[in-house]
PDB file of N, CA and C in Angstrom:
ATOM      1  N   MET A   1     154.636  87.629  55.745  1.00  0.00           N
ATOM      2  CA  MET A   1     152.900  87.600  54.742  1.00  0.00           C
ATOM      3  C   MET A   1     152.181  88.673  56.560  1.00  0.00           C
ATOM      4  N   LEU A   2     151.158  88.886  55.458  1.00  0.00           N
ATOM      5  CA  LEU A   2     149.973  89.604  56.851  1.00  0.00           C
ATOM      6  C   LEU A   2     149.811  88.336  57.645  1.00  0.00           C
ATOM      7  N   ASN A   3     149.775  88.871  59.322  1.00  0.00           N
ATOM      8  CA  ASN A   3     149.006  87.239  59.480  1.00  0.00           C
ATOM      9  C   ASN A   3     147.113  87.632  59.469  1.00  0.00           C
ATOM     10  N   PRO A   4     146.754  86.411  59.208  1.00  0.00           N
ATOM     11  CA  PRO A   4     145.269  86.482  59.111  1.00  0.00           C
ATOM     12  C   PRO A   4     144.275  87.119  60.381  1.00  0.00           C
ATOM     13  N   MET A   5     144.837  87.022  61.132  1.00  0.00           N
ATOM     14  CA  MET A   5     144.035  87.625  62.522  1.00  0.00           C
ATOM     15  C   MET A   5     144.313  88.958  62.403  1.00  0.00           C
ATOM     16  N   SER A   6     145.144  89.719  62.208  1.00  0.00           N
ATOM     17  CA  SER A   6     145.838  91.101  62.164  1.00  0.00           C
ATOM     18  C   SER A   6     144.311  91.786  60.747  1.00  0.00           C
ATOM     19  N   THR A   7     144.400  93.638  61.823  1.00  0.00           N
ATOM     20  CA  THR A   7     142.763  93.674  61.463  1.00  0.00           C
ATOM     21  C   THR A   7     143.384  95.219  60.277  1.00  0.00           C
ATOM     22  N   GLN A   8     143.352  94.916  59.047  1.00  0.00           N
ATOM     23  CA  GLN A   8     143.678  95.809  58.089  1.00  0.00           C
ATOM     24  C   GLN A   8     142.847  96.836  58.643  1.00  0.00           C
ATOM     25  N   ILE A   9     143.730  98.446  58.127  1.00  0.00           N
ATOM     26  CA  ILE A   9     143.676 100.012  58.713  1.00  0.00           C
ATOM     27  C   ILE A   9     143.150 100.149  57.262  1.00  0.00           C
ATOM     28  N   THR A  10     142.959 101.822  57.191  1.00  0.00           N
ATOM     29  CA  THR A  10     143.127 102.166  55.775  1.00  0.00           C
ATOM     30  C   THR A  10     144.715 103.831  56.460  1.00  0.00           C
ATOM     31  N   ILE A  11     145.165 104.439  55.158  1.00  0.00           N
ATOM     32  CA  ILE A  11     145.845 105.362  55.174  1.00  0.00           C
ATOM     33  C   ILE A  11     145.180 106.247  56.032  1.00  0.00           C
ATOM     34  N   ASP A  12     144.215 105.998  55.936  1.00  0.00           N
ATOM     35  CA  ASP A  12     143.573 108.014  55.958  1.00  0.00           C
ATOM     36  C   ASP A  12     143.462 106.995  57.855  1.00  0.00           C
ATOM     37  N   GLU A  13     142.731 106.363  58.701  1.00  0.00           N
ATOM     38  CA  GLU A  13     143.189 105.224  59.446  1.00  0.00           C
ATOM     39  C   GLU A  13     144.714 105.592  60.016  1.00  0.00           C
ATOM     40  N   PHE A  14     145.737 105.567  59.247  1.00  0.00           N
ATOM     41  CA  PHE A  14     146.756 105.321  59.719  1.00  0.00           C
ATOM     42  C   PHE A  14     148.077 106.409  59.929  1.00  0.00           C
ATOM     43  N   ALA A  15     147.413 108.031  58.632  1.00  0.00           N
ATOM     44  CA  ALA A  15     147.679 108.933  59.092  1.00  0.00           C
ATOM     45  C   ALA A  15     146.758 109.985  60.480  1.00  0.00           C
ATOM     46  N   LYS A  16     146.178 109.694  61.019  1.00  0.00           N
ATOM     47  CA  LYS A  16     145.626 110.009  61.909  1.00  0.00           C
ATOM     48  C   LYS A  16     147.153 109.434  63.315  1.00  0.00           C
ATOM     49  N   LEU A  17     147.658 109.109  63.014  1.00  0.00           N
ATOM     50  CA  LEU A  17     148.645 109.015  64.573  1.00  0.00           C
ATOM     51  C   LEU A  17     149.872 109.907  64.251  1.00  0.00           C
ATOM     52  N   ASP A  18     150.265 110.582  64.878  1.00  0.00           N
ATOM     53  CA  ASP A  18     151.151 111.479  65.100  1.00  0.00           C
ATOM     54  C   ASP A  18     152.090 110.972  65.824  1.00  0.00           C
ATOM     55  N   LEU A  19     153.159 110.561  65.358  1.00  0.00           N
ATOM     56  CA  LEU A  19     154.570 110.336  65.460  1.00  0.00           C
ATOM     57  C   LEU A  19     155.510 110.413  66.073  1.00  0.00           C
ATOM     58  N   ARG A  20     156.026 110.736  66.641  1.00  0.00           N
ATOM     59  CA  ARG A  20     156.894 111.904  66.635  1.00  0.00           C
ATOM     60  C   ARG A  20     158.865 111.488  67.297  1.00  0.00           C
ATOM     61  N   VAL A  21     159.672 111.708  67.118  1.00  0.00           N
ATOM     62  CA  VAL A  21     160.992 111.801  67.600  1.00  0.00           C
ATOM     63  C   VAL A  21     161.253 112.066  69.759  1.00  0.00           C
ATOM     64  N   GLY A  22     161.348 111.584  70.118  1.00  0.00           N
ATOM     65  CA  GLY A  22     161.595 111.797  71.898  1.00  0.00           C
ATOM     66  C   GLY A  22     162.842 112.167  71.902  1.00  0.00           C
ATOM     67  N   ILE A  23     163.351 113.060  72.787  1.00  0.00           N
ATOM     68  CA  ILE A  23     164.009 112.577  74.159  1.00  0.00           C
ATOM     69  C   ILE A  23     164.034 112.020  75.160  1.00  0.00           C
ATOM     70  N   VAL A  24     163.470 110.725  76.353  1.00  0.00           N
ATOM     71  CA  VAL A  24     164.292 109.714  77.368  1.00  0.00           C
ATOM     72  C   VAL A  24     164.803 111.062  78.418  1.00  0.00           C
ATOM     73  N   LYS A  25     164.005 111.851  79.388  1.00  0.00           N
ATOM     74  CA  LYS A  25     165.577 112.494  80.049  1.00  0.00           C
ATOM     75  C   LYS A  25     165.772 112.145  81.095  1.00  0.00           C
ATOM     76  N   GLN A  26     164.999 111.327  81.674  1.00  0.00           N
ATOM     77  CA  GLN A  26     164.735 111.276  83.120  1.00  0.00           C
ATOM     78  C   GLN A  26     163.655 109.578  82.874  1.00  0.00           C
ATOM     79  N   ALA A  27     164.138 108.283  83.394  1.00  0.00           N
ATOM     80  CA  ALA A  27     163.629 107.158  83.908  1.00  0.00           C
ATOM     81  C   ALA A  27     164.051 107.192  85.481  1.00  0.00           C
ATOM     82  N   GLU A  28     162.888 105.762  86.400  1.00  0.00           N
ATOM     83  CA  GLU A  28     162.492 105.474  86.992  1.00  0.00           C
ATOM     84  C   GLU A  28     161.333 104.295  86.978  1.00  0.00           C
ATOM     85  N   ARG A  29     162.311 103.576  87.967  1.00  0.00           N
ATOM     86  CA  ARG A  29     161.555 102.202  87.787  1.00  0.00           C
ATOM     87  C   ARG A  29     159.833 102.200  88.693  1.00  0.00           C
ATOM     88  N   ILE A  30     158.830 101.630  88.406  1.00  0.00           N
ATOM     89  CA  ILE A  30     157.764 102.533  89.776  1.00  0.00           C
ATOM     90  C   ILE A  30     157.997 100.915  90.158  1.00  0.00           C
ATOM     91  N   GLU A  31     158.234 101.210  91.725  1.00  0.00           N
ATOM     92  CA  GLU A  31     158.001 100.290  92.945  1.00  0.00           C
ATOM     93  C   GLU A  31     157.319  99.583  92.926  1.00  0.00           C
ATOM     94  N   GLY A  32     157.751  97.363  92.573  1.00  0.00           N
ATOM     95  CA  GLY A  32     156.915  97.044  92.840  1.00  0.00           C
ATOM     96  C   GLY A  32     155.529  96.143  91.745  1.00  0.00           C
ATOM     97  N   THR A  33     156.685  97.048  90.888  1.00  0.00           N
ATOM     98  CA  THR A  33     155.654  96.518  89.069  1.00  0.00           C
ATOM     99  C   THR A  33     157.406  96.759  87.909  1.00  0.00           C
ATOM    100  N   ARG A  34     157.217  95.890  86.663  1.00  0.00           N
ATOM    101  CA  ARG A  34     157.524  95.927  86.012  1.00  0.00           C
ATOM    102  C   ARG A  34     157.953  97.446  84.698  1.00  0.00           C
ATOM    103  N   LEU A  35     156.956  98.695  85.529  1.00  0.00           N
ATOM    104  CA  LEU A  35     156.678  99.179  84.610  1.00  0.00           C
ATOM    105  C   LEU A  35     157.660 100.489  85.465  1.00  0.00           C
ATOM    106  N   LEU A  36     157.879 101.562  84.195  1.00  0.00           N
ATOM    107  CA  LEU A  36     159.105 102.777  83.816  1.00  0.00           C
ATOM    108  C   LEU A  36     158.578 104.237  83.780  1.00  0.00           C
ATOM    109  N   LYS A  37     158.922 104.191  84.358  1.00  0.00           N
ATOM    110  CA  LYS A  37     158.045 105.983  84.407  1.00  0.00           C
ATOM    111  C   LYS A  37     159.279 107.114  83.697  1.00  0.00           C
ATOM    112  N   LEU A  38     158.653 107.337  82.087  1.00  0.00           N
ATOM    113  CA  LEU A  38     159.651 108.101  81.903  1.00  0.00           C
ATOM    114  C   LEU A  38     159.285 109.778  80.670  1.00  0.00           C
ATOM    115  N   ILE A  39     159.944 110.571  81.106  1.00  0.00           N
ATOM    116  CA  ILE A  39     160.083 111.970  81.129  1.00  0.00           C
ATOM    117  C   ILE A  39     160.530 111.937  79.940  1.00  0.00           C
ATOM    118  N   VAL A  40     160.519 112.045  78.674  1.00  0.00           N
ATOM    119  CA  VAL A  40     160.339 112.549  77.327  1.00  0.00           C
ATOM    120  C   VAL A  40     160.160 113.453  76.745  1.00  0.00           C
ATOM    121  N   ASP A  41     160.860 114.215  76.234  1.00  0.00           N
ATOM    122  CA  ASP A  41     161.298 116.091  75.508  1.00  0.00           C
ATOM    123  C   ASP A  41     160.597 115.643  74.126  1.00  0.00           C
ATOM    124  N   LEU A  42     159.715 116.285  73.675  1.00  0.00           N
ATOM    125  CA  LEU A  42     159.197 115.947  72.673  1.00  0.00           C
ATOM    126  C   LEU A  42     159.202 117.143  71.526  1.00  0.00           C
ATOM    127  N   GLY A  43     160.289 118.145  71.978  1.00  0.00           N
ATOM    128  CA  GLY A  43     161.126 119.399  71.412  1.00  0.00           C
ATOM    129  C   GLY A  43     160.278 120.747  72.417  1.00  0.00           C
ATOM    130  N   SER A  44     158.579 120.518  72.137  1.00  0.00           N
ATOM    131  CA  SER A  44     157.727 122.181  71.820  1.00  0.00           C
ATOM    132  C   SER A  44     157.037 121.398  73.741  1.00  0.00           C
ATOM    133  N   GLU A  45     157.574 120.294  74.135  1.00  0.00           N
ATOM    134  CA  GLU A  45     157.306 120.174  75.930  1.00  0.00           C
ATOM    135  C   GLU A  45     157.659 119.030  75.701  1.00  0.00           C
ATOM    136  N   GLN A  46     157.333 118.606  77.309  1.00  0.00           N
ATOM    137  CA  GLN A  46     157.722 117.243  77.380  1.00  0.00           C
ATOM    138  C   GLN A  46     156.804 116.443  78.228  1.00  0.00           C
ATOM    139  N   ARG A  47     156.072 115.458  78.435  1.00  0.00           N
ATOM    140  CA  ARG A  47     156.066 114.048  78.539  1.00  0.00           C
ATOM    141  C   ARG A  47     155.743 113.148  79.478  1.00  0.00           C
ATOM    142  N   GLN A  48     154.464 112.689  80.408  1.00  0.00           N
ATOM    143  CA  GLN A  48     155.348 111.194  81.573  1.00  0.00           C
ATOM    144  C   GLN A  48     155.030 109.797  79.880  1.00  0.00           C
ATOM    145  N   ILE A  49     155.497 108.509  80.043  1.00  0.00           N
ATOM    146  CA  ILE A  49     155.377 107.656  79.511  1.00  0.00           C
ATOM    147  C   ILE A  49     155.196 106.586  80.660  1.00  0.00           C
ATOM    148  N   ILE A  50     153.865 106.104  80.904  1.00  0.00           N
ATOM    149  CA  ILE A  50     154.625 104.666  81.589  1.00  0.00           C
ATOM    150  C   ILE A  50     154.776 103.975  80.406  1.00  0.00           C
ATOM    151  N   ALA A  51     155.848 102.826  81.382  1.00  0.00           N
ATOM    152  CA  ALA A  51     156.424 101.396  79.797  1.00  0.00           C
ATOM    153  C   ALA A  51     156.298 100.584  80.296  1.00  0.00           C
ATOM    154  N   GLY A  52     155.776  99.326  80.340  1.00  0.00           N
ATOM    155  CA  GLY A  52     155.985  98.209  80.761  1.00  0.00           C
ATOM    156  C   GLY A  52     156.927  96.951  80.367  1.00  0.00           C
ATOM    157  N   LEU A  53     158.673  97.855  80.407  1.00  0.00           N
ATOM    158  CA  LEU A  53     159.935  97.455  80.081  1.00  0.00           C
ATOM    159  C   LEU A  53     160.722  97.569  81.145  1.00  0.00           C
ATOM    160  N   GLY A  54     160.877  97.782  82.477  1.00  0.00           N
ATOM    161  CA  GLY A  54     160.879  97.074  83.502  1.00  0.00           C
ATOM    162  C   GLY A  54     161.854  95.774  83.385  1.00  0.00           C
ATOM    163  N   GLU A  55     161.192  94.837  83.239  1.00  0.00           N
ATOM    164  CA  GLU A  55     161.962  94.046  82.853  1.00  0.00           C
ATOM    165  C   GLU A  55     163.074  93.555  81.953  1.00  0.00           C
ATOM    166  N   TYR A  56     163.208  93.890  81.149  1.00  0.00           N
ATOM    167  CA  TYR A  56     163.972  94.430  79.588  1.00  0.00           C
ATOM    168  C   TYR A  56     165.495  95.550  79.850  1.00  0.00           C
ATOM    169  N   TYR A  57     164.409  96.267  80.518  1.00  0.00           N
ATOM    170  CA  TYR A  57     165.397  98.062  80.293  1.00  0.00           C
ATOM    171  C   TYR A  57     165.764  98.334  81.847  1.00  0.00           C
ATOM    172  N   THR A  58     166.776  98.667  81.983  1.00  0.00           N
ATOM    173  CA  THR A  58     167.324  99.584  83.700  1.00  0.00           C
ATOM    174  C   THR A  58     166.801 100.901  82.741  1.00  0.00           C
ATOM    175  N   PRO A  59     166.649 101.481  84.497  1.00  0.00           N
ATOM    176  CA  PRO A  59     166.248 102.949  83.632  1.00  0.00           C
ATOM    177  C   PRO A  59     167.044 103.281  82.976  1.00  0.00           C
ATOM    178  N   GLU A  60     168.509 103.642  83.385  1.00  0.00           N
ATOM    179  CA  GLU A  60     169.846 104.720  82.904  1.00  0.00           C
ATOM    180  C   GLU A  60     170.022 104.166  80.873  1.00  0.00           C
ATOM    181  N   GLU A  61     169.945 102.745  81.144  1.00  0.00           N
ATOM    182  CA  GLU A  61     169.170 102.646  79.595  1.00  0.00           C
ATOM    183  C   GLU A  61     169.353 102.869  79.176  1.00  0.00           C
ATOM    184  N   LEU A  62     167.791 104.132  79.112  1.00  0.00           N
ATOM    185  CA  LEU A  62     167.377 104.551  77.610  1.00  0.00           C
ATOM    186  C   LEU A  62     167.533 106.176  78.182  1.00  0.00           C
ATOM    187  N   VAL A  63     168.345 106.851  79.205  1.00  0.00           N
ATOM    188  CA  VAL A  63     168.285 108.306  79.667  1.00  0.00           C
ATOM    189  C   VAL A  63     168.335 107.980  77.875  1.00  0.00           C
ATOM    190  N   ASN A  64     168.071 109.129  77.639  1.00  0.00           N
ATOM    191  CA  ASN A  64     169.320 109.195  76.369  1.00  0.00           C
ATOM    192  C   ASN A  64     168.481 109.204  75.651  1.00  0.00           C
ATOM    193  N   LYS A  65     168.555 108.274  75.169  1.00  0.00           N
ATOM    194  CA  LYS A  65     167.528 107.112  74.653  1.00  0.00           C
ATOM    195  C   LYS A  65     167.022 108.395  73.136  1.00  0.00           C
ATOM    196  N   ARG A  66     166.893 108.364  71.723  1.00  0.00           N
ATOM    197  CA  ARG A  66     165.611 108.672  71.227  1.00  0.00           C
ATOM    198  C   ARG A  66     164.495 107.363  70.841  1.00  0.00           C
ATOM    199  N   ILE A  67     163.955 108.127  71.116  1.00  0.00           N
ATOM    200  CA  ILE A  67     162.073 107.055  70.351  1.00  0.00           C
ATOM    201  C   ILE A  67     162.225 107.867  69.949  1.00  0.00           C
ATOM    202  N   ILE A  68     161.308 106.655  69.098  1.00  0.00           N
ATOM    203  CA  ILE A  68     159.137 107.341  68.577  1.00  0.00           C
ATOM    204  C   ILE A  68     158.250 107.101  69.612  1.00  0.00           C
ATOM    205  N   VAL A  69     157.242 108.165  69.794  1.00  0.00           N
ATOM    206  CA  VAL A  69     156.038 108.114  70.043  1.00  0.00           C
ATOM    207  C   VAL A  69     155.358 108.151  69.439  1.00  0.00           C
ATOM    208  N   ILE A  70     153.992 107.874  69.737  1.00  0.00           N
ATOM    209  CA  ILE A  70     152.600 108.405  69.062  1.00  0.00           C
ATOM    210  C   ILE A  70     151.887 109.443  70.072  1.00  0.00           C
ATOM    211  N   ALA A  71     152.360 110.176  70.191  1.00  0.00           N
ATOM    212  CA  ALA A  71     152.126 111.251  70.718  1.00  0.00           C
ATOM    213  C   ALA A  71     150.733 111.679  71.286  1.00  0.00           C
ATOM    214  N   ASN A  72     149.921 111.373  69.409  1.00  0.00           N
ATOM    215  CA  ASN A  72     148.865 111.354  70.032  1.00  0.00           C
ATOM    216  C   ASN A  72     146.829 110.687  71.014  1.00  0.00           C
ATOM    217  N   LEU A  73     148.119 109.881  71.158  1.00  0.00           N
ATOM    218  CA  LEU A  73     147.738 108.765  72.212  1.00  0.00           C
ATOM    219  C   LEU A  73     146.826 109.687  73.754  1.00  0.00           C
ATOM    220  N   LYS A  74     145.112 109.168  73.403  1.00  0.00           N
ATOM    221  CA  LYS A  74     144.477 109.376  74.822  1.00  0.00           C
ATOM    222  C   LYS A  74     144.999 109.248  75.826  1.00  0.00           C
ATOM    223  N   PRO A  75     145.933 110.378  77.231  1.00  0.00           N
ATOM    224  CA  PRO A  75     146.499 109.761  77.754  1.00  0.00           C
ATOM    225  C   PRO A  75     145.211 109.084  79.520  1.00  0.00           C
ATOM    226  N   ARG A  76     146.481 107.757  79.657  1.00  0.00           N
ATOM    227  CA  ARG A  76     145.395 107.851  80.404  1.00  0.00           C
ATOM    228  C   ARG A  76     146.652 106.619  81.864  1.00  0.00           C
ATOM    229  N   LEU A  77     145.140 106.383  83.229  1.00  0.00           N
ATOM    230  CA  LEU A  77     146.345 106.901  83.881  1.00  0.00           C
ATOM    231  C   LEU A  77     146.604 104.573  84.174  1.00  0.00           C
ATOM    232  N   ILE A  78     148.076 104.461  84.583  1.00  0.00           N
ATOM    233  CA  ILE A  78     148.260 103.103  84.901  1.00  0.00           C
ATOM    234  C   ILE A  78     149.272 102.844  86.104  1.00  0.00           C
ATOM    235  N   ARG A  79     148.216 102.514  86.634  1.00  0.00           N
ATOM    236  CA  ARG A  79     148.861 101.726  88.373  1.00  0.00           C
ATOM    237  C   ARG A  79     149.007 103.443  88.991  1.00  0.00           C
ATOM    238  N   GLY A  80     148.130 104.060  88.857  1.00  0.00           N
ATOM    239  CA  GLY A  80     148.296 105.971  89.733  1.00  0.00           C
ATOM    240  C   GLY A  80     148.641 106.365  88.695  1.00  0.00           C
ATOM    241  N   PHE A  81     149.123 106.144  87.277  1.00  0.00           N
ATOM    242  CA  PHE A  81     150.902 107.671  87.050  1.00  0.00           C
ATOM    243  C   PHE A  81     149.826 107.934  85.555  1.00  0.00           C
ATOM    244  N   GLU A  82     149.366 108.821  84.707  1.00  0.00           N
ATOM    245  CA  GLU A  82     149.439 109.374  84.045  1.00  0.00           C
ATOM    246  C   GLU A  82     149.822 108.947  82.839  1.00  0.00           C
ATOM    247  N   SER A  83     149.371 108.222  81.737  1.00  0.00           N
ATOM    248  CA  SER A  83     150.993 108.451  80.717  1.00  0.00           C
ATOM    249  C   SER A  83     150.380 108.936  80.209  1.00  0.00           C
ATOM    250  N   GLN A  84     150.991 108.997  79.100  1.00  0.00           N
ATOM    251  CA  GLN A  84     150.734 110.542  77.969  1.00  0.00           C
ATOM    252  C   GLN A  84     151.390 110.093  77.079  1.00  0.00           C
ATOM    253  N   GLY A  85     151.067 109.272  76.088  1.00  0.00           N
ATOM    254  CA  GLY A  85     151.671 109.034  75.191  1.00  0.00           C
ATOM    255  C   GLY A  85     152.679 108.035  75.208  1.00  0.00           C
ATOM    256  N   MET A  86     153.372 106.863  73.588  1.00  0.00           N
ATOM    257  CA  MET A  86     153.140 105.287  73.984  1.00  0.00           C
ATOM    258  C   MET A  86     154.585 105.675  73.356  1.00  0.00           C
ATOM    259  N   LEU A  87     155.204 104.235  73.434  1.00  0.00           N
ATOM    260  CA  LEU A  87     156.792 104.536  72.798  1.00  0.00           C
ATOM    261  C   LEU A  87     156.325 103.448  71.683  1.00  0.00           C
ATOM    262  N   LEU A  88     157.784 103.355  70.783  1.00  0.00           N
ATOM    263  CA  LEU A  88     157.274 102.027  70.034  1.00  0.00           C
ATOM    264  C   LEU A  88     157.997 100.993  69.914  1.00  0.00           C
ATOM    265  N   ALA A  89     158.659  99.498  70.449  1.00  0.00           N
ATOM    266  CA  ALA A  89     158.536  98.714  70.414  1.00  0.00           C
ATOM    267  C   ALA A  89     158.594  97.439  70.057  1.00  0.00           C
ATOM    268  N   ALA A  90     159.761  96.891  69.759  1.00  0.00           N
ATOM    269  CA  ALA A  90     159.763  95.283  68.842  1.00  0.00           C
ATOM    270  C   ALA A  90     159.124  94.305  69.570  1.00  0.00           C
ATOM    271  N   GLY A  91     158.755  93.452  69.317  1.00  0.00           N
ATOM    272  CA  GLY A  91     158.416  92.826  70.156  1.00  0.00           C
ATOM    273  C   GLY A  91     157.345  92.845  71.028  1.00  0.00           C
ATOM    274  N   CYS A  92     156.417  91.464  70.577  1.00  0.00           N
ATOM    275  CA  CYS A  92     154.879  92.165  71.661  1.00  0.00           C
ATOM    276  C   CYS A  92     155.221  90.102  72.535  1.00  0.00           C
ATOM    277  N   LYS A  93     153.803  90.185  73.477  1.00  0.00           N
ATOM    278  CA  LYS A  93     153.862  89.859  74.085  1.00  0.00           C
ATOM    279  C   LYS A  93     153.932  88.232  74.016  1.00  0.00           C
ATOM    280  N   GLU A  94     153.358  87.855  72.346  1.00  0.00           N
ATOM    281  CA  GLU A  94     153.438  86.737  71.747  1.00  0.00           C
ATOM    282  C   GLU A  94     154.844  85.731  71.377  1.00  0.00           C
ATOM    283  N   ASP A  95     155.635  86.996  70.350  1.00  0.00           N
ATOM    284  CA  ASP A  95     157.186  87.343  70.160  1.00  0.00           C
ATOM    285  C   ASP A  95     157.685  86.284  71.770  1.00  0.00           C
ATOM    286  N   GLU A  96     157.210  87.118  73.137  1.00  0.00           N
ATOM    287  CA  GLU A  96     157.991  85.849  73.685  1.00  0.00           C
ATOM    288  C   GLU A  96     158.600  84.360  74.140  1.00  0.00           C
ATOM    289  N   ALA A  97     157.696  84.262  73.619  1.00  0.00           N
ATOM    290  CA  ALA A  97     157.339  82.599  73.658  1.00  0.00           C
ATOM    291  C   ALA A  97     158.154  82.495  72.344  1.00  0.00           C
ATOM    292  N   LYS A  98     159.048  82.294  71.495  1.00  0.00           N
ATOM    293  CA  LYS A  98     160.571  82.795  70.699  1.00  0.00           C
ATOM    294  C   LYS A  98     160.992  83.301  70.698  1.00  0.00           C
ATOM    295  N   GLY A  99     161.565  84.113  72.107  1.00  0.00           N
ATOM    296  CA  GLY A  99     162.601  84.417  72.636  1.00  0.00           C
ATOM    297  C   GLY A  99     162.478  85.602  71.752  1.00  0.00           C
ATOM    298  N   ILE A 100     162.045  86.112  72.092  1.00  0.00           N
ATOM    299  CA  ILE A 100     162.205  87.689  70.958  1.00  0.00           C
ATOM    300  C   ILE A 100     161.614  88.301  71.834  1.00  0.00           C
ATOM    301  N   LYS A 101     162.390  89.575  72.837  1.00  0.00           N
ATOM    302  CA  LYS A 101     162.293  90.200  74.043  1.00  0.00           C
ATOM    303  C   LYS A 101     161.587  91.816  73.592  1.00  0.00           C
ATOM    304  N   PRO A 102     161.162  92.102  73.735  1.00  0.00           N
ATOM    305  CA  PRO A 102     161.028  93.450  73.405  1.00  0.00           C
ATOM    306  C   PRO A 102     162.401  94.784  73.586  1.00  0.00           C
ATOM    307  N   ARG A 103     162.271  95.207  72.340  1.00  0.00           N
ATOM    308  CA  ARG A 103     162.947  96.635  72.474  1.00  0.00           C
ATOM    309  C   ARG A 103     163.020  97.648  71.426  1.00  0.00           C
ATOM    310  N   VAL A 104     162.891  98.390  72.861  1.00  0.00           N
ATOM    311  CA  VAL A 104     162.828  99.677  72.058  1.00  0.00           C
ATOM    312  C   VAL A 104     162.883 100.901  70.901  1.00  0.00           C
ATOM    313  N   LEU A 105     162.416 101.173  69.688  1.00  0.00           N
ATOM    314  CA  LEU A 105     162.150 101.667  68.489  1.00  0.00           C
ATOM    315  C   LEU A 105     163.707 103.022  68.737  1.00  0.00           C
ATOM    316  N   THR A 106     164.594 102.722  68.149  1.00  0.00           N
ATOM    317  CA  THR A 106     165.260 103.674  68.613  1.00  0.00           C
ATOM    318  C   THR A 106     166.418 105.033  67.172  1.00  0.00           C
ATOM    319  N   ILE A 107     165.976 106.668  67.563  1.00  0.00           N
ATOM    320  CA  ILE A 107     166.806 106.668  66.221  1.00  0.00           C
ATOM    321  C   ILE A 107     168.032 107.138  66.405  1.00  0.00           C
ATOM    322  N   ASP A 108     168.987 106.966  65.463  1.00  0.00           N
ATOM    323  CA  ASP A 108     170.476 107.200  65.192  1.00  0.00           C
ATOM    324  C   ASP A 108     169.848 108.360  65.312  1.00  0.00           C
ATOM    325  N   GLY A 109     170.948 109.142  65.180  1.00  0.00           N
ATOM    326  CA  GLY A 109     172.388 110.458  64.490  1.00  0.00           C
ATOM    327  C   GLY A 109     171.353 111.817  65.368  1.00  0.00           C
ATOM    328  N   GLU A 110     171.337 113.168  65.262  1.00  0.00           N
ATOM    329  CA  GLU A 110     170.505 114.211  65.436  1.00  0.00           C
ATOM    330  C   GLU A 110     169.129 114.849  65.538  1.00  0.00           C
ATOM    331  N   VAL A 111     168.567 113.887  65.142  1.00  0.00           N
ATOM    332  CA  VAL A 111     167.611 114.412  65.012  1.00  0.00           C
ATOM    333  C   VAL A 111     167.047 115.054  66.219  1.00  0.00           C
ATOM    334  N   PRO A 112     166.126 116.357  65.540  1.00  0.00           N
ATOM    335  CA  PRO A 112     166.101 116.904  66.591  1.00  0.00           C
ATOM    336  C   PRO A 112     164.449 116.181  68.201  1.00  0.00           C
ATOM    337  N   PRO A 113     164.806 116.687  68.752  1.00  0.00           N
ATOM    338  CA  PRO A 113     163.482 115.961  68.890  1.00  0.00           C
ATOM    339  C   PRO A 113     161.433 117.130  68.971  1.00  0.00           C
ATOM    340  N   GLY A 114     160.702 116.334  68.794  1.00  0.00           N
ATOM    341  CA  GLY A 114     159.723 116.491  68.789  1.00  0.00           C
ATOM    342  C   GLY A 114     159.349 116.792  66.532  1.00  0.00           C
ATOM    343  N   THR A 115     160.590 115.856  65.718  1.00  0.00           N
ATOM    344  CA  THR A 115     160.449 115.860  64.978  1.00  0.00           C
ATOM    345  C   THR A 115     159.620 114.973  64.415  1.00  0.00           C
ATOM    346  N   LYS A 116     158.315 115.010  62.856  1.00  0.00           N
ATOM    347  CA  LYS A 116     157.187 114.625  63.314  1.00  0.00           C
ATOM    348  C   LYS A 116     158.086 112.880  61.862  1.00  0.00           C
ATOM    349  N   VAL A 117     157.874 111.661  62.895  1.00  0.00           N
ATOM    350  CA  VAL A 117     158.138 110.667  61.910  1.00  0.00           C
ATOM    351  C   VAL A 117     156.751 110.190  61.042  1.00  0.00           C
ATOM    352  N   CYS A 118     157.585 110.303  59.941  1.00  0.00           N
ATOM    353  CA  CYS A 118     156.300 110.070  58.586  1.00  0.00           C
ATOM    354  C   CYS A 118     156.244 108.754  57.807  1.00  0.00           C
TER     355      CYS A 118
END
């Protein structure tokens, strides 16, 4: 059932999202934070993504994972580091109260980096 507090969007709005498969090439913890700095291969380029998953994952757990990235998200500074996209994860802050920890959505198999998710 749809959460009544959720904002519904149109298919045209959803179509604006550029979801791509990326491979995490490097990952490191940003000292003094729960943030991880990831270098992600998107096929034609590599991007830096800052993710707030440091309390759930070690950097080593994410290296070589195929993840889903929102590739056309406007870059923003997070704690002085530019984040050039966002990865998708299941489980949000409100789910933590139910004991559900965020889990990065990954792709099985040999899907090439940069492949569009549709």
